N, C-alpha and C. Protein backbone atom coordinates (compact mmCIF):
# COMPACT_ATOMS: atom_id res chain seq x y z
N MET A 1 15.69 10.67 -25.68
CA MET A 1 16.50 9.58 -25.14
C MET A 1 16.99 8.70 -26.27
N GLU A 2 18.25 8.30 -26.21
CA GLU A 2 18.81 7.39 -27.20
C GLU A 2 18.50 5.95 -26.76
N TRP A 3 17.67 5.27 -27.53
CA TRP A 3 17.18 3.96 -27.12
C TRP A 3 18.04 2.83 -27.64
N HIS A 4 18.17 1.79 -26.82
CA HIS A 4 18.86 0.55 -27.18
C HIS A 4 17.85 -0.58 -27.02
N VAL A 5 18.15 -1.73 -27.63
CA VAL A 5 17.21 -2.84 -27.54
C VAL A 5 16.92 -3.23 -26.10
N THR A 6 17.91 -3.10 -25.22
CA THR A 6 17.68 -3.44 -23.81
C THR A 6 16.70 -2.47 -23.16
N ASP A 7 16.69 -1.21 -23.62
CA ASP A 7 15.71 -0.26 -23.09
C ASP A 7 14.30 -0.71 -23.45
N ALA A 8 14.12 -1.09 -24.71
CA ALA A 8 12.80 -1.55 -25.16
C ALA A 8 12.37 -2.79 -24.39
N GLN A 9 13.30 -3.69 -24.15
CA GLN A 9 12.98 -4.91 -23.40
C GLN A 9 12.59 -4.57 -21.97
N SER A 10 13.31 -3.65 -21.37
CA SER A 10 13.00 -3.26 -19.99
C SER A 10 11.63 -2.59 -19.90
N LEU A 11 11.32 -1.71 -20.86
CA LEU A 11 10.02 -1.06 -20.86
C LEU A 11 8.89 -2.06 -21.09
N ALA A 12 9.15 -3.08 -21.89
CA ALA A 12 8.15 -4.12 -22.11
C ALA A 12 7.87 -4.88 -20.81
N ILE A 13 8.91 -5.11 -20.03
CA ILE A 13 8.72 -5.77 -18.73
C ILE A 13 7.90 -4.89 -17.81
N ILE A 14 8.20 -3.58 -17.81
CA ILE A 14 7.43 -2.65 -16.98
C ILE A 14 5.97 -2.66 -17.40
N ASP A 15 5.71 -2.62 -18.70
CA ASP A 15 4.33 -2.64 -19.20
C ASP A 15 3.60 -3.90 -18.73
N SER A 16 4.31 -5.02 -18.77
CA SER A 16 3.70 -6.29 -18.38
C SER A 16 3.37 -6.31 -16.90
N GLU A 17 4.27 -5.78 -16.07
CA GLU A 17 4.07 -5.82 -14.63
C GLU A 17 3.03 -4.79 -14.17
N ILE A 18 2.95 -3.67 -14.87
CA ILE A 18 1.95 -2.66 -14.50
C ILE A 18 0.55 -3.12 -14.88
N GLY A 19 0.42 -3.67 -16.08
CA GLY A 19 -0.89 -4.14 -16.52
C GLY A 19 -1.86 -3.00 -16.74
N ASP A 20 -3.12 -3.19 -16.36
CA ASP A 20 -4.15 -2.17 -16.57
C ASP A 20 -3.88 -0.95 -15.68
N HIS A 21 -4.22 0.22 -16.21
CA HIS A 21 -4.03 1.46 -15.45
C HIS A 21 -5.03 2.49 -15.94
N VAL A 22 -5.08 3.62 -15.24
CA VAL A 22 -6.06 4.66 -15.57
C VAL A 22 -5.40 5.90 -16.15
N PHE A 23 -4.11 5.84 -16.43
CA PHE A 23 -3.40 7.00 -16.95
C PHE A 23 -3.74 7.23 -18.42
N SER A 24 -3.66 8.49 -18.83
CA SER A 24 -3.71 8.79 -20.25
C SER A 24 -2.41 8.29 -20.89
N PRO A 25 -2.36 8.14 -22.21
CA PRO A 25 -1.11 7.68 -22.84
C PRO A 25 0.09 8.55 -22.48
N ALA A 26 -0.09 9.86 -22.46
CA ALA A 26 1.02 10.75 -22.14
C ALA A 26 1.45 10.60 -20.68
N GLU A 27 0.48 10.55 -19.78
CA GLU A 27 0.81 10.35 -18.37
C GLU A 27 1.52 9.03 -18.14
N TYR A 28 1.05 8.00 -18.82
CA TYR A 28 1.66 6.68 -18.65
C TYR A 28 3.11 6.69 -19.11
N GLU A 29 3.40 7.42 -20.18
CA GLU A 29 4.79 7.50 -20.64
C GLU A 29 5.68 8.09 -19.56
N ILE A 30 5.19 9.09 -18.85
CA ILE A 30 5.97 9.68 -17.76
C ILE A 30 6.14 8.67 -16.63
N VAL A 31 5.07 7.99 -16.26
CA VAL A 31 5.13 7.02 -15.17
C VAL A 31 6.12 5.91 -15.47
N ARG A 32 6.06 5.37 -16.66
CA ARG A 32 6.98 4.25 -16.99
C ARG A 32 8.43 4.72 -17.06
N ARG A 33 8.66 5.97 -17.45
CA ARG A 33 10.02 6.51 -17.45
C ARG A 33 10.57 6.59 -16.02
N VAL A 34 9.72 7.03 -15.09
CA VAL A 34 10.17 7.12 -13.70
C VAL A 34 10.45 5.73 -13.15
N ILE A 35 9.59 4.80 -13.42
CA ILE A 35 9.81 3.42 -12.95
C ILE A 35 11.07 2.84 -13.57
N TYR A 36 11.30 3.12 -14.84
CA TYR A 36 12.51 2.62 -15.51
C TYR A 36 13.77 3.21 -14.87
N ALA A 37 13.70 4.49 -14.48
CA ALA A 37 14.87 5.14 -13.89
C ALA A 37 15.14 4.70 -12.46
N THR A 38 14.09 4.23 -11.77
CA THR A 38 14.23 3.93 -10.34
C THR A 38 14.03 2.46 -9.98
N ALA A 39 13.42 1.68 -10.89
CA ALA A 39 13.04 0.29 -10.61
C ALA A 39 12.08 0.20 -9.42
N ASP A 40 11.31 1.25 -9.22
CA ASP A 40 10.39 1.32 -8.08
C ASP A 40 8.96 1.47 -8.62
N PHE A 41 8.20 0.37 -8.58
CA PHE A 41 6.85 0.38 -9.13
C PHE A 41 5.85 1.15 -8.26
N GLU A 42 6.26 1.52 -7.06
CA GLU A 42 5.35 2.28 -6.20
C GLU A 42 5.02 3.64 -6.81
N TYR A 43 5.93 4.15 -7.65
CA TYR A 43 5.67 5.45 -8.26
C TYR A 43 4.41 5.45 -9.11
N LYS A 44 3.96 4.27 -9.52
CA LYS A 44 2.71 4.19 -10.28
C LYS A 44 1.56 4.85 -9.52
N SER A 45 1.58 4.75 -8.21
CA SER A 45 0.49 5.30 -7.40
C SER A 45 0.87 6.61 -6.71
N LEU A 46 2.07 7.12 -6.98
CA LEU A 46 2.54 8.31 -6.27
C LEU A 46 2.60 9.57 -7.13
N ILE A 47 2.71 9.42 -8.44
CA ILE A 47 2.86 10.59 -9.31
C ILE A 47 1.51 11.30 -9.46
N ARG A 48 1.53 12.61 -9.26
CA ARG A 48 0.33 13.42 -9.35
C ARG A 48 0.48 14.43 -10.50
N PHE A 49 -0.49 14.43 -11.40
CA PHE A 49 -0.51 15.39 -12.51
C PHE A 49 -1.66 16.37 -12.29
N SER A 50 -1.37 17.65 -12.30
CA SER A 50 -2.47 18.61 -12.28
C SER A 50 -3.12 18.65 -13.66
N GLU A 51 -4.28 19.26 -13.72
CA GLU A 51 -4.99 19.33 -15.00
C GLU A 51 -4.17 20.11 -16.02
N HIS A 52 -4.02 19.53 -17.20
CA HIS A 52 -3.31 20.15 -18.33
C HIS A 52 -1.82 20.34 -18.07
N ALA A 53 -1.25 19.65 -17.08
CA ALA A 53 0.18 19.83 -16.78
C ALA A 53 1.06 19.44 -17.95
N LEU A 54 0.78 18.29 -18.56
CA LEU A 54 1.63 17.83 -19.65
C LEU A 54 1.46 18.70 -20.89
N GLN A 55 0.24 19.11 -21.17
CA GLN A 55 0.02 19.98 -22.34
C GLN A 55 0.74 21.31 -22.16
N ALA A 56 0.64 21.88 -20.97
CA ALA A 56 1.29 23.17 -20.70
C ALA A 56 2.81 23.03 -20.76
N GLY A 57 3.33 21.95 -20.20
CA GLY A 57 4.77 21.75 -20.22
C GLY A 57 5.30 21.53 -21.62
N ALA A 58 4.59 20.75 -22.42
CA ALA A 58 5.02 20.49 -23.79
C ALA A 58 5.02 21.77 -24.62
N ALA A 59 3.97 22.58 -24.46
CA ALA A 59 3.89 23.83 -25.19
C ALA A 59 5.01 24.79 -24.79
N ALA A 60 5.34 24.80 -23.49
CA ALA A 60 6.42 25.68 -23.02
C ALA A 60 7.78 25.22 -23.55
N LEU A 61 7.99 23.92 -23.61
CA LEU A 61 9.23 23.40 -24.19
C LEU A 61 9.35 23.80 -25.66
N ALA A 62 8.24 23.64 -26.39
CA ALA A 62 8.24 23.98 -27.81
C ALA A 62 8.46 25.47 -28.04
N ALA A 63 8.03 26.28 -27.07
CA ALA A 63 8.23 27.73 -27.17
C ALA A 63 9.61 28.15 -26.70
N ARG A 64 10.46 27.19 -26.39
CA ARG A 64 11.84 27.42 -25.94
C ARG A 64 11.89 28.17 -24.61
N SER A 65 10.92 27.91 -23.74
CA SER A 65 10.93 28.54 -22.42
C SER A 65 12.16 28.10 -21.64
N THR A 66 12.67 28.99 -20.82
CA THR A 66 13.83 28.68 -19.99
C THR A 66 13.46 27.65 -18.93
N ILE A 67 14.38 26.74 -18.66
CA ILE A 67 14.20 25.73 -17.62
C ILE A 67 15.11 26.07 -16.44
N VAL A 68 14.53 26.13 -15.25
CA VAL A 68 15.30 26.39 -14.04
C VAL A 68 15.23 25.14 -13.16
N VAL A 69 16.39 24.62 -12.79
CA VAL A 69 16.45 23.42 -11.93
C VAL A 69 17.13 23.79 -10.62
N ASP A 70 16.92 22.93 -9.62
CA ASP A 70 17.49 23.26 -8.31
C ASP A 70 18.91 22.76 -8.12
N MET A 71 19.26 21.62 -8.73
CA MET A 71 20.54 21.00 -8.45
C MET A 71 21.26 20.55 -9.73
N PRO A 72 22.61 20.50 -9.70
CA PRO A 72 23.36 20.09 -10.88
C PRO A 72 22.99 18.70 -11.39
N LEU A 73 22.63 17.79 -10.50
CA LEU A 73 22.28 16.43 -10.92
C LEU A 73 21.07 16.44 -11.86
N VAL A 74 20.12 17.32 -11.60
CA VAL A 74 18.97 17.44 -12.50
C VAL A 74 19.42 18.02 -13.83
N GLN A 75 20.23 19.05 -13.77
CA GLN A 75 20.71 19.70 -15.00
C GLN A 75 21.46 18.71 -15.89
N VAL A 76 22.34 17.94 -15.29
CA VAL A 76 23.09 16.95 -16.06
C VAL A 76 22.15 15.89 -16.63
N GLY A 77 21.16 15.48 -15.83
CA GLY A 77 20.26 14.41 -16.25
C GLY A 77 19.37 14.76 -17.43
N ILE A 78 19.09 16.07 -17.63
CA ILE A 78 18.19 16.46 -18.71
C ILE A 78 18.92 17.09 -19.90
N SER A 79 20.19 17.38 -19.75
CA SER A 79 20.89 18.16 -20.76
C SER A 79 20.92 17.49 -22.13
N TYR A 80 21.17 16.18 -22.16
CA TYR A 80 21.31 15.50 -23.45
C TYR A 80 20.03 15.61 -24.27
N ASP A 81 18.89 15.26 -23.66
CA ASP A 81 17.63 15.30 -24.39
C ASP A 81 17.26 16.73 -24.79
N ILE A 82 17.49 17.69 -23.91
CA ILE A 82 17.16 19.08 -24.22
C ILE A 82 18.01 19.59 -25.39
N GLN A 83 19.31 19.33 -25.33
CA GLN A 83 20.22 19.85 -26.34
C GLN A 83 19.97 19.22 -27.71
N ASN A 84 19.42 18.02 -27.73
CA ASN A 84 19.18 17.33 -28.99
C ASN A 84 17.75 17.49 -29.50
N THR A 85 16.99 18.35 -28.83
CA THR A 85 15.61 18.61 -29.30
C THR A 85 15.38 20.12 -29.38
N PHE A 86 14.76 20.69 -28.36
CA PHE A 86 14.36 22.09 -28.40
C PHE A 86 15.48 23.06 -28.01
N ALA A 87 16.50 22.56 -27.34
CA ALA A 87 17.66 23.37 -26.96
C ALA A 87 17.29 24.55 -26.06
N ASN A 88 16.36 24.31 -25.14
CA ASN A 88 16.01 25.35 -24.17
C ASN A 88 17.22 25.68 -23.30
N ALA A 89 17.32 26.92 -22.87
CA ALA A 89 18.34 27.28 -21.88
C ALA A 89 17.99 26.63 -20.55
N VAL A 90 19.01 26.10 -19.86
CA VAL A 90 18.81 25.45 -18.56
C VAL A 90 19.74 26.10 -17.54
N TYR A 91 19.17 26.61 -16.45
CA TYR A 91 19.95 27.23 -15.39
C TYR A 91 19.74 26.50 -14.08
N CYS A 92 20.80 26.44 -13.28
CA CYS A 92 20.76 25.72 -12.00
C CYS A 92 20.81 26.71 -10.85
N SER A 93 19.81 26.65 -9.99
CA SER A 93 19.72 27.61 -8.89
C SER A 93 20.86 27.45 -7.89
N PHE A 94 21.30 26.22 -7.68
CA PHE A 94 22.37 25.97 -6.71
C PHE A 94 23.67 26.64 -7.13
N GLU A 95 23.85 26.81 -8.43
CA GLU A 95 25.10 27.39 -8.94
C GLU A 95 24.95 28.85 -9.34
N THR A 96 23.81 29.45 -9.00
CA THR A 96 23.58 30.85 -9.35
C THR A 96 24.23 31.76 -8.32
N ALA A 97 24.97 32.75 -8.81
CA ALA A 97 25.65 33.66 -7.91
C ALA A 97 24.65 34.56 -7.19
N THR A 98 24.66 34.50 -5.88
CA THR A 98 23.81 35.36 -5.06
C THR A 98 24.63 35.89 -3.89
N ARG A 99 24.12 36.92 -3.25
CA ARG A 99 24.81 37.41 -2.06
C ARG A 99 24.74 36.36 -0.96
N PRO A 100 25.84 36.15 -0.23
CA PRO A 100 25.80 35.17 0.86
C PRO A 100 24.73 35.52 1.89
N GLN A 101 23.88 34.58 2.20
CA GLN A 101 22.81 34.79 3.16
C GLN A 101 22.74 33.59 4.09
N LYS A 102 22.36 33.83 5.33
CA LYS A 102 22.25 32.75 6.30
C LYS A 102 20.83 32.24 6.45
N GLU A 103 19.87 33.06 6.04
CA GLU A 103 18.47 32.70 6.28
C GLU A 103 17.98 31.57 5.40
N LYS A 104 18.55 31.43 4.21
CA LYS A 104 18.08 30.43 3.26
C LYS A 104 19.26 29.68 2.65
N THR A 105 18.95 28.53 2.05
CA THR A 105 19.99 27.73 1.40
C THR A 105 20.39 28.35 0.07
N LEU A 106 21.50 27.88 -0.48
CA LEU A 106 21.94 28.35 -1.79
C LEU A 106 20.90 28.08 -2.86
N ALA A 107 20.30 26.88 -2.79
CA ALA A 107 19.29 26.51 -3.79
C ALA A 107 18.07 27.42 -3.70
N ALA A 108 17.67 27.76 -2.48
CA ALA A 108 16.50 28.62 -2.29
C ALA A 108 16.77 30.04 -2.79
N TRP A 109 17.91 30.61 -2.40
CA TRP A 109 18.24 31.95 -2.86
C TRP A 109 18.40 31.96 -4.37
N GLY A 110 19.03 30.93 -4.89
CA GLY A 110 19.25 30.87 -6.33
C GLY A 110 17.97 30.77 -7.13
N ILE A 111 17.02 29.97 -6.64
CA ILE A 111 15.78 29.82 -7.38
C ILE A 111 14.95 31.10 -7.30
N GLU A 112 15.04 31.82 -6.19
CA GLU A 112 14.37 33.12 -6.10
C GLU A 112 14.94 34.10 -7.13
N THR A 113 16.26 34.11 -7.23
CA THR A 113 16.93 35.00 -8.18
C THR A 113 16.54 34.68 -9.61
N LEU A 114 16.59 33.40 -9.97
CA LEU A 114 16.27 32.99 -11.33
C LEU A 114 14.79 33.15 -11.63
N ALA A 115 13.95 32.91 -10.64
CA ALA A 115 12.50 33.06 -10.85
C ALA A 115 12.14 34.49 -11.19
N GLN A 116 12.83 35.43 -10.61
CA GLN A 116 12.56 36.84 -10.92
C GLN A 116 12.98 37.19 -12.35
N ARG A 117 13.92 36.44 -12.89
CA ARG A 117 14.36 36.68 -14.26
C ARG A 117 13.48 35.93 -15.27
N TYR A 118 13.04 34.74 -14.90
CA TYR A 118 12.29 33.88 -15.82
C TYR A 118 10.95 33.53 -15.17
N ARG A 119 10.09 34.51 -15.07
CA ARG A 119 8.86 34.38 -14.29
C ARG A 119 7.89 33.35 -14.87
N GLU A 120 7.98 33.07 -16.16
CA GLU A 120 7.06 32.13 -16.80
C GLU A 120 7.81 30.90 -17.31
N GLY A 121 8.92 30.60 -16.70
CA GLY A 121 9.72 29.45 -17.12
C GLY A 121 9.18 28.13 -16.61
N ILE A 122 9.93 27.07 -16.90
CA ILE A 122 9.66 25.73 -16.38
C ILE A 122 10.59 25.52 -15.19
N PHE A 123 10.04 25.15 -14.05
CA PHE A 123 10.84 24.99 -12.84
C PHE A 123 10.84 23.52 -12.41
N VAL A 124 12.04 23.01 -12.13
CA VAL A 124 12.20 21.60 -11.76
C VAL A 124 12.95 21.52 -10.44
N VAL A 125 12.24 21.10 -9.38
CA VAL A 125 12.84 20.96 -8.06
C VAL A 125 12.92 19.48 -7.75
N GLY A 126 14.11 18.93 -7.87
CA GLY A 126 14.26 17.49 -7.70
C GLY A 126 14.80 17.07 -6.35
N GLN A 127 15.42 18.00 -5.64
CA GLN A 127 16.12 17.60 -4.43
C GLN A 127 15.95 18.56 -3.26
N ALA A 128 15.96 19.87 -3.53
CA ALA A 128 16.01 20.85 -2.44
C ALA A 128 14.61 21.29 -2.02
N GLN A 129 14.18 20.80 -0.87
CA GLN A 129 12.86 21.19 -0.35
C GLN A 129 12.79 22.69 -0.12
N THR A 130 13.89 23.29 0.30
CA THR A 130 13.89 24.73 0.56
C THR A 130 13.65 25.52 -0.72
N ALA A 131 14.14 25.00 -1.84
CA ALA A 131 13.91 25.67 -3.13
C ALA A 131 12.43 25.61 -3.50
N LEU A 132 11.78 24.48 -3.22
CA LEU A 132 10.36 24.35 -3.52
C LEU A 132 9.54 25.33 -2.69
N THR A 133 9.86 25.43 -1.40
CA THR A 133 9.14 26.36 -0.53
C THR A 133 9.30 27.80 -1.01
N ALA A 134 10.52 28.17 -1.39
CA ALA A 134 10.76 29.53 -1.89
C ALA A 134 9.99 29.78 -3.18
N LEU A 135 9.92 28.78 -4.03
CA LEU A 135 9.19 28.91 -5.30
C LEU A 135 7.69 29.08 -5.06
N VAL A 136 7.15 28.27 -4.16
CA VAL A 136 5.72 28.36 -3.86
C VAL A 136 5.39 29.72 -3.23
N ASP A 137 6.27 30.24 -2.40
CA ASP A 137 6.06 31.56 -1.81
C ASP A 137 5.90 32.62 -2.91
N LEU A 138 6.74 32.55 -3.93
CA LEU A 138 6.68 33.51 -5.04
C LEU A 138 5.40 33.34 -5.86
N ILE A 139 4.99 32.09 -6.04
CA ILE A 139 3.75 31.83 -6.79
C ILE A 139 2.55 32.39 -6.04
N GLU A 140 2.49 32.14 -4.74
CA GLU A 140 1.37 32.62 -3.94
C GLU A 140 1.34 34.14 -3.84
N ALA A 141 2.51 34.76 -3.92
CA ALA A 141 2.58 36.22 -3.89
C ALA A 141 2.30 36.81 -5.28
N GLU A 142 2.06 35.95 -6.25
CA GLU A 142 1.77 36.34 -7.63
C GLU A 142 2.91 37.14 -8.25
N GLU A 143 4.13 36.82 -7.81
CA GLU A 143 5.30 37.46 -8.40
C GLU A 143 5.78 36.72 -9.64
N ILE A 144 5.44 35.44 -9.75
CA ILE A 144 5.82 34.65 -10.91
C ILE A 144 4.63 33.80 -11.34
N ARG A 145 4.68 33.35 -12.60
CA ARG A 145 3.62 32.49 -13.13
C ARG A 145 4.27 31.42 -14.00
N PRO A 146 4.85 30.39 -13.38
CA PRO A 146 5.55 29.36 -14.15
C PRO A 146 4.64 28.65 -15.14
N ALA A 147 5.23 28.23 -16.25
CA ALA A 147 4.49 27.42 -17.23
C ALA A 147 4.23 26.02 -16.67
N LEU A 148 5.18 25.53 -15.87
CA LEU A 148 5.07 24.20 -15.26
C LEU A 148 6.05 24.11 -14.11
N VAL A 149 5.63 23.45 -13.02
CA VAL A 149 6.54 23.14 -11.92
C VAL A 149 6.54 21.63 -11.72
N ILE A 150 7.73 21.04 -11.76
CA ILE A 150 7.93 19.63 -11.45
C ILE A 150 8.63 19.56 -10.10
N ALA A 151 7.98 18.95 -9.11
CA ALA A 151 8.50 18.96 -7.75
C ALA A 151 8.57 17.54 -7.20
N THR A 152 9.80 17.04 -7.02
CA THR A 152 9.98 15.67 -6.53
C THR A 152 11.00 15.57 -5.39
N PRO A 153 11.15 16.60 -4.56
CA PRO A 153 12.17 16.49 -3.51
C PRO A 153 11.78 15.50 -2.41
N VAL A 154 12.75 14.72 -1.98
CA VAL A 154 12.52 13.87 -0.82
C VAL A 154 12.51 14.76 0.41
N GLY A 155 11.72 14.40 1.42
CA GLY A 155 11.71 15.25 2.60
C GLY A 155 10.92 14.65 3.74
N PHE A 156 11.25 15.07 4.95
CA PHE A 156 10.59 14.59 6.15
C PHE A 156 9.95 15.72 6.96
N VAL A 157 10.34 16.97 6.65
CA VAL A 157 9.84 18.10 7.42
C VAL A 157 9.08 19.04 6.49
N ASP A 158 7.77 18.95 6.52
CA ASP A 158 6.89 19.90 5.81
C ASP A 158 6.99 19.87 4.30
N VAL A 159 7.65 18.86 3.70
CA VAL A 159 7.69 18.83 2.24
C VAL A 159 6.30 18.58 1.67
N ASP A 160 5.48 17.84 2.42
CA ASP A 160 4.12 17.58 1.94
C ASP A 160 3.30 18.87 1.93
N VAL A 161 3.59 19.76 2.87
CA VAL A 161 2.88 21.05 2.93
C VAL A 161 3.20 21.88 1.69
N ALA A 162 4.47 21.93 1.33
CA ALA A 162 4.88 22.71 0.16
C ALA A 162 4.25 22.13 -1.11
N LYS A 163 4.20 20.82 -1.21
CA LYS A 163 3.58 20.19 -2.38
C LYS A 163 2.08 20.47 -2.43
N GLU A 164 1.44 20.42 -1.29
CA GLU A 164 -0.01 20.71 -1.24
C GLU A 164 -0.29 22.16 -1.65
N ARG A 165 0.55 23.07 -1.19
CA ARG A 165 0.39 24.47 -1.58
C ARG A 165 0.55 24.64 -3.08
N LEU A 166 1.51 23.92 -3.65
CA LEU A 166 1.72 23.97 -5.10
C LEU A 166 0.51 23.41 -5.83
N GLN A 167 0.01 22.27 -5.35
CA GLN A 167 -1.13 21.64 -6.00
C GLN A 167 -2.38 22.51 -5.93
N GLU A 168 -2.50 23.31 -4.88
CA GLU A 168 -3.66 24.18 -4.72
C GLU A 168 -3.55 25.46 -5.55
N SER A 169 -2.37 25.75 -6.04
CA SER A 169 -2.20 26.92 -6.91
C SER A 169 -2.78 26.60 -8.28
N LEU A 170 -2.87 27.61 -9.13
CA LEU A 170 -3.38 27.39 -10.48
C LEU A 170 -2.26 27.11 -11.47
N VAL A 171 -1.06 26.88 -10.95
CA VAL A 171 0.09 26.61 -11.80
C VAL A 171 0.12 25.12 -12.17
N PRO A 172 0.26 24.78 -13.45
CA PRO A 172 0.40 23.37 -13.83
C PRO A 172 1.57 22.73 -13.10
N ASN A 173 1.36 21.52 -12.57
CA ASN A 173 2.42 20.90 -11.78
C ASN A 173 2.38 19.39 -11.86
N ILE A 174 3.54 18.79 -11.60
CA ILE A 174 3.68 17.35 -11.46
C ILE A 174 4.44 17.12 -10.16
N THR A 175 3.88 16.33 -9.26
CA THR A 175 4.48 16.11 -7.95
C THR A 175 4.46 14.63 -7.59
N ILE A 176 5.11 14.32 -6.47
CA ILE A 176 5.11 12.97 -5.92
C ILE A 176 4.34 13.01 -4.60
N GLY A 177 3.33 12.16 -4.47
CA GLY A 177 2.47 12.20 -3.30
C GLY A 177 2.99 11.39 -2.13
N SER A 178 4.22 11.62 -1.74
CA SER A 178 4.78 10.93 -0.57
C SER A 178 6.11 11.57 -0.21
N ARG A 179 6.79 10.99 0.78
CA ARG A 179 8.13 11.47 1.12
C ARG A 179 9.15 11.12 0.05
N LYS A 180 8.81 10.17 -0.80
CA LYS A 180 9.76 9.71 -1.81
C LYS A 180 10.04 10.79 -2.84
N GLY A 181 11.12 10.57 -3.59
CA GLY A 181 11.49 11.46 -4.67
C GLY A 181 12.98 11.74 -4.65
N ASN A 182 13.49 12.26 -5.74
CA ASN A 182 14.88 12.65 -5.84
C ASN A 182 15.14 13.29 -7.21
N ALA A 183 16.38 13.68 -7.44
CA ALA A 183 16.73 14.34 -8.68
C ALA A 183 16.58 13.41 -9.89
N ILE A 184 16.81 12.12 -9.68
CA ILE A 184 16.68 11.16 -10.78
C ILE A 184 15.24 11.07 -11.25
N VAL A 185 14.30 11.10 -10.31
CA VAL A 185 12.88 11.09 -10.66
C VAL A 185 12.53 12.35 -11.45
N ALA A 186 13.02 13.49 -10.99
CA ALA A 186 12.73 14.75 -11.69
C ALA A 186 13.26 14.71 -13.11
N ALA A 187 14.49 14.23 -13.28
CA ALA A 187 15.08 14.16 -14.62
C ALA A 187 14.31 13.21 -15.53
N ALA A 188 13.85 12.10 -14.97
CA ALA A 188 13.07 11.15 -15.76
C ALA A 188 11.76 11.77 -16.24
N ILE A 189 11.12 12.55 -15.39
CA ILE A 189 9.87 13.23 -15.77
C ILE A 189 10.15 14.23 -16.89
N VAL A 190 11.19 15.04 -16.73
CA VAL A 190 11.52 16.03 -17.75
C VAL A 190 11.84 15.35 -19.08
N ASN A 191 12.66 14.32 -19.05
CA ASN A 191 13.05 13.67 -20.30
C ASN A 191 11.86 13.01 -20.99
N GLY A 192 10.97 12.43 -20.22
CA GLY A 192 9.76 11.88 -20.81
C GLY A 192 8.92 12.96 -21.45
N LEU A 193 8.80 14.09 -20.77
CA LEU A 193 8.01 15.20 -21.30
C LEU A 193 8.67 15.78 -22.56
N VAL A 194 9.99 15.86 -22.57
CA VAL A 194 10.70 16.36 -23.75
C VAL A 194 10.41 15.47 -24.96
N ASP A 195 10.48 14.17 -24.77
CA ASP A 195 10.22 13.25 -25.89
C ASP A 195 8.77 13.37 -26.38
N LEU A 196 7.82 13.50 -25.46
CA LEU A 196 6.43 13.68 -25.85
C LEU A 196 6.24 14.99 -26.61
N ALA A 197 6.86 16.05 -26.12
CA ALA A 197 6.74 17.34 -26.77
C ALA A 197 7.39 17.33 -28.15
N TRP A 198 8.50 16.63 -28.28
CA TRP A 198 9.19 16.57 -29.58
C TRP A 198 8.34 15.82 -30.60
N GLN A 199 7.66 14.78 -30.15
CA GLN A 199 6.75 14.07 -31.05
C GLN A 199 5.61 14.98 -31.50
N ALA A 200 5.14 15.83 -30.60
CA ALA A 200 4.00 16.69 -30.91
C ALA A 200 4.39 17.94 -31.70
N TYR A 201 5.55 18.53 -31.37
CA TYR A 201 5.92 19.81 -31.93
C TYR A 201 7.20 19.81 -32.76
N GLY A 202 8.03 18.81 -32.59
CA GLY A 202 9.37 18.83 -33.17
C GLY A 202 9.41 18.97 -34.67
N GLN A 203 8.61 18.19 -35.38
CA GLN A 203 8.65 18.23 -36.83
C GLN A 203 8.19 19.59 -37.35
N ASP A 204 7.17 20.15 -36.73
CA ASP A 204 6.70 21.47 -37.16
C ASP A 204 7.78 22.53 -36.93
N LYS A 205 8.48 22.39 -35.79
CA LYS A 205 9.53 23.35 -35.50
C LYS A 205 10.65 23.24 -36.53
N ASN A 206 10.99 22.00 -36.91
CA ASN A 206 12.05 21.79 -37.89
C ASN A 206 11.68 22.39 -39.24
N ARG A 207 10.42 22.21 -39.65
CA ARG A 207 9.99 22.75 -40.93
C ARG A 207 9.96 24.27 -40.90
N GLY A 208 9.70 24.83 -39.71
CA GLY A 208 9.61 26.26 -39.62
C GLY A 208 10.95 26.96 -39.51
N SER A 209 12.01 26.20 -39.26
CA SER A 209 13.33 26.81 -39.07
C SER A 209 14.06 26.98 -40.37
């Protein structure tokens, strides 16, 4: 992220209002990024990190793993940081060419198609609940083994079930523990993780290139 003095001032305000917390430094960086993107402090108590989720995600970014997102808004939101750091390939399931089908949404069919190509990629579902359900189905069938799944779709019908199934899998994941969420939240999580990974791996990658 390209920082301006107003960004630093805003983050300082967030730090002051949050006060004491139980997050690790890396987790807290993700939380404050989401709050900064949404101005919603409730996310402090809603973001769920599975064990080793951030470590697995950072390592996958550094390994140039492919990133699959559900919607163009997520792709646009993460492109700048990705292109200026690890330059991972980013594909959008909603824009993936698939055979016309009535049983599932474009995002769901697209993520199934891309998941079969990039079985160990990073998957980011920011908006389409149907894409998350399709992804979890593939994980449970052991057809794919993502490095990380970030799932923040808003939803009122069974979205909590899909998130619970994801959390119960052995796949590293970051989710929102409520109906809340959107593509902006997903992008904020990814961008925070990219910056953390670049701090951890970026210099070594530069020296090795």
